[in-house]
Amino acid sequence: MKKVVSLKKQSKRAQREYHLSRRGSWGEVNPVSRTVESKKVYNRKRLGKPGEE
């Protein structure tokens, strides 16, 4: 039976391997493209003809 050693007492390498095993992947999703632009920021492309929005 394996002994349970707390994470803080493990070596840095063992901690790193543990955290890497727990970390998931984004797969096909790009997290950068999921940002929402603020409406308060000036954006020339968003500005159209007067009366359009």
Protein backbone atom coordinates (compact mmCIF):
# COMPACT_ATOMS: atom_id res chain seq x y z
CA MET A 1 0.00 0.00 0.00
CA LYS A 2 1.30 3.48 -0.88
CA LYS A 3 1.89 5.98 1.88
CA VAL A 4 0.07 9.28 1.53
CA VAL A 5 2.44 12.24 1.72
CA SER A 6 1.02 15.73 1.89
CA LEU A 7 1.58 17.86 -1.18
CA LYS A 8 3.59 20.48 0.74
CA LYS A 9 6.10 17.87 1.88
CA GLN A 10 6.66 16.44 -1.58
CA SER A 11 9.54 17.57 -3.76
CA LYS A 12 9.01 20.40 -6.24
CA ARG A 13 9.19 17.92 -9.12
CA ALA A 14 6.51 15.70 -7.56
CA GLN A 15 4.30 18.72 -6.90
CA ARG A 16 4.73 19.82 -10.51
CA GLU A 17 3.82 16.35 -11.84
CA TYR A 18 0.74 16.28 -9.59
CA HIS A 19 -0.47 19.69 -10.75
CA LEU A 20 0.21 18.86 -14.41
CA SER A 21 -1.87 15.69 -14.10
CA ARG A 22 -4.79 17.67 -12.61
CA ARG A 23 -4.66 20.47 -15.16
CA GLY A 24 -6.99 20.14 -18.13
CA SER A 25 -6.56 21.31 -21.67
CA TRP A 26 -8.54 23.85 -23.65
CA GLY A 27 -8.68 21.54 -26.67
CA GLU A 28 -9.96 23.37 -29.74
CA VAL A 29 -11.05 26.46 -27.80
CA ASN A 30 -8.85 29.56 -27.88
CA PRO A 31 -9.42 31.42 -24.59
CA VAL A 32 -8.07 34.69 -26.00
CA SER A 33 -10.82 34.89 -28.59
CA ARG A 34 -13.48 34.70 -25.86
CA THR A 35 -12.92 38.24 -24.57
CA VAL A 36 -15.79 40.75 -24.74
CA GLU A 37 -14.97 44.26 -25.90
CA SER A 38 -16.05 47.13 -23.68
CA LYS A 39 -18.63 49.49 -25.18
CA LYS A 40 -16.92 52.43 -23.48
CA VAL A 41 -13.70 52.08 -25.45
CA TYR A 42 -13.40 54.14 -28.66
CA ASN A 43 -13.57 51.90 -31.72
CA ARG A 44 -13.57 53.49 -35.17
CA LYS A 45 -14.88 50.31 -36.85
CA ARG A 46 -17.96 50.22 -34.62
CA LEU A 47 -18.85 53.83 -35.43
CA GLY A 48 -21.04 54.01 -38.50
CA LYS A 49 -23.14 56.59 -40.21
CA PRO A 50 -25.19 58.83 -37.89
CA GLY A 51 -28.38 57.08 -36.83
CA GLU A 52 -26.99 53.57 -37.40
CA GLU A 53 -25.97 51.18 -34.64
